Each structure stands twice: as C-alpha cells, then as structure tokens.
Amino acid sequence: MGPLADGDRALLGYAVKLTRDPSRARPGDLDRLRAHGFSDAAIHRLVHIVGFFNYYNRLASGLGVADEPEWAERRMPPWLLRR
C-alpha cells in the first residue's frame, strides 16, 4: 500500500481526534477538511460513522461483550495507529 494522500490523512486525523478527545475538535478542523475538498455532507457522514463506532464499542465494552476470535487477525497494524 502506498502513502496516504494529504486529504485522507486529514480525514483520518480528524476521526482519531473525535475518538480520542472530542473536546479538542475545533471549527478549524472542519475548514481543513473543506480545504482538502471534502463537502459538508462528506464531513457529516464521517462524524456519524466515527460517532456510531465509538458508541458501539463503548456499549460493547460496557456490557462485557467479548471480541470474536477472528477479529484479532483484522486489528489495525501498529504503523497505522501512530500519531
């Protein structure tokens, strides 16, 4: 896999920010995404998807739902999780 495009990197960076510390989200983050060509509708979809997965993961963790065994094989590679 090749390097990520700058727009993709900005999109993923915002998704990480919303996941790790959503209180740090600022209007400038949205402006940055728009500058990379993302429409407000695309940003809206991103926020919904990130929010849904964060909600679902917290719900599953809070209820003690165990991961499926095959999920361990699909975990993100460590290089993708670096800041």
Protein backbone atom coordinates (compact mmCIF):
# COMPACT_ATOMS: atom_id res chain seq x y z
CA MET A 1 0.00 0.00 0.00
CA GLY A 2 1.32 3.43 -0.89
CA PRO A 3 1.37 6.56 1.21
CA LEU A 4 -1.87 8.27 2.10
CA ALA A 5 -2.97 11.37 0.24
CA ASP A 6 -2.95 14.56 2.30
CA GLY A 7 -6.77 14.70 2.29
CA ASP A 8 -7.05 11.13 3.52
CA ARG A 9 -4.52 11.86 6.25
CA ALA A 10 -6.55 14.93 7.32
CA LEU A 11 -9.77 12.90 7.36
CA LEU A 12 -8.23 10.12 9.44
CA GLY A 13 -6.61 12.65 11.77
CA TYR A 14 -10.00 14.18 12.47
CA ALA A 15 -11.51 10.74 13.06
CA VAL A 16 -8.75 9.98 15.58
CA LYS A 17 -9.30 13.33 17.31
CA LEU A 18 -13.04 12.66 17.61
CA THR A 19 -12.28 9.23 19.04
CA ARG A 20 -9.52 10.07 21.49
CA ASP A 21 -10.51 13.56 22.68
CA PRO A 22 -13.60 15.03 21.00
CA SER A 23 -13.46 18.13 23.20
CA ARG A 24 -10.39 19.19 21.16
CA ALA A 25 -12.40 19.39 17.91
CA ARG A 26 -12.44 22.94 16.55
CA PRO A 27 -14.05 24.73 13.58
CA GLY A 28 -10.58 24.90 12.03
CA ASP A 29 -10.61 21.10 11.74
CA LEU A 30 -13.66 21.35 9.51
CA ASP A 31 -12.07 24.13 7.48
CA ARG A 32 -9.01 21.92 6.96
CA LEU A 33 -11.20 19.11 5.64
CA ARG A 34 -13.04 21.50 3.33
CA ALA A 35 -9.69 22.77 2.03
CA HIS A 36 -8.92 19.18 1.01
CA GLY A 37 -12.14 19.04 -0.99
CA PHE A 38 -14.48 17.35 1.47
CA SER A 39 -18.05 18.62 1.29
CA ASP A 40 -20.12 19.35 4.36
CA ALA A 41 -22.16 16.23 3.53
CA ALA A 42 -18.99 14.10 3.49
CA ILE A 43 -17.85 15.58 6.81
CA HIS A 44 -21.30 14.93 8.24
CA ARG A 45 -21.09 11.27 7.16
CA LEU A 46 -17.61 10.98 8.69
CA VAL A 47 -18.79 12.34 12.05
CA HIS A 48 -21.77 9.98 12.04
CA ILE A 49 -19.63 6.94 11.22
CA VAL A 50 -16.99 7.79 13.83
CA GLY A 51 -19.67 8.53 16.43
CA PHE A 52 -21.53 5.30 15.69
CA PHE A 53 -18.45 3.12 16.00
CA ASN A 54 -17.30 4.89 19.16
CA TYR A 55 -20.76 4.45 20.66
CA TYR A 56 -20.98 0.81 19.66
CA ASN A 57 -17.51 -0.01 21.01
CA ARG A 58 -18.25 1.68 24.34
CA LEU A 59 -21.58 -0.11 24.56
CA ALA A 60 -19.97 -3.48 23.85
CA SER A 61 -17.13 -2.81 26.31
CA GLY A 62 -19.55 -1.64 28.99
CA LEU A 63 -21.61 -4.79 28.63
CA GLY A 64 -18.57 -7.07 28.60
CA VAL A 65 -19.10 -8.29 25.04
CA ALA A 66 -16.08 -10.35 24.02
CA ASP A 67 -14.37 -9.87 20.67
CA GLU A 68 -14.90 -12.52 18.07
CA PRO A 69 -11.73 -14.67 17.82
CA GLU A 70 -11.14 -13.84 14.15
CA TRP A 71 -11.18 -10.10 14.92
CA ALA A 72 -7.66 -10.35 16.36
CA GLU A 73 -6.41 -11.11 12.85
CA ARG A 74 -8.05 -7.95 11.50
CA ARG A 75 -6.69 -5.45 14.02
CA MET A 76 -5.06 -2.37 12.54
CA PRO A 77 -1.33 -2.60 12.05
CA PRO A 78 0.67 -0.60 14.63
CA TRP A 79 2.08 1.76 11.98
CA LEU A 80 -1.46 2.94 11.19
CA LEU A 81 -2.14 3.82 14.82
CA ARG A 82 0.91 6.05 15.30
CA ARG A 83 0.31 9.75 15.79
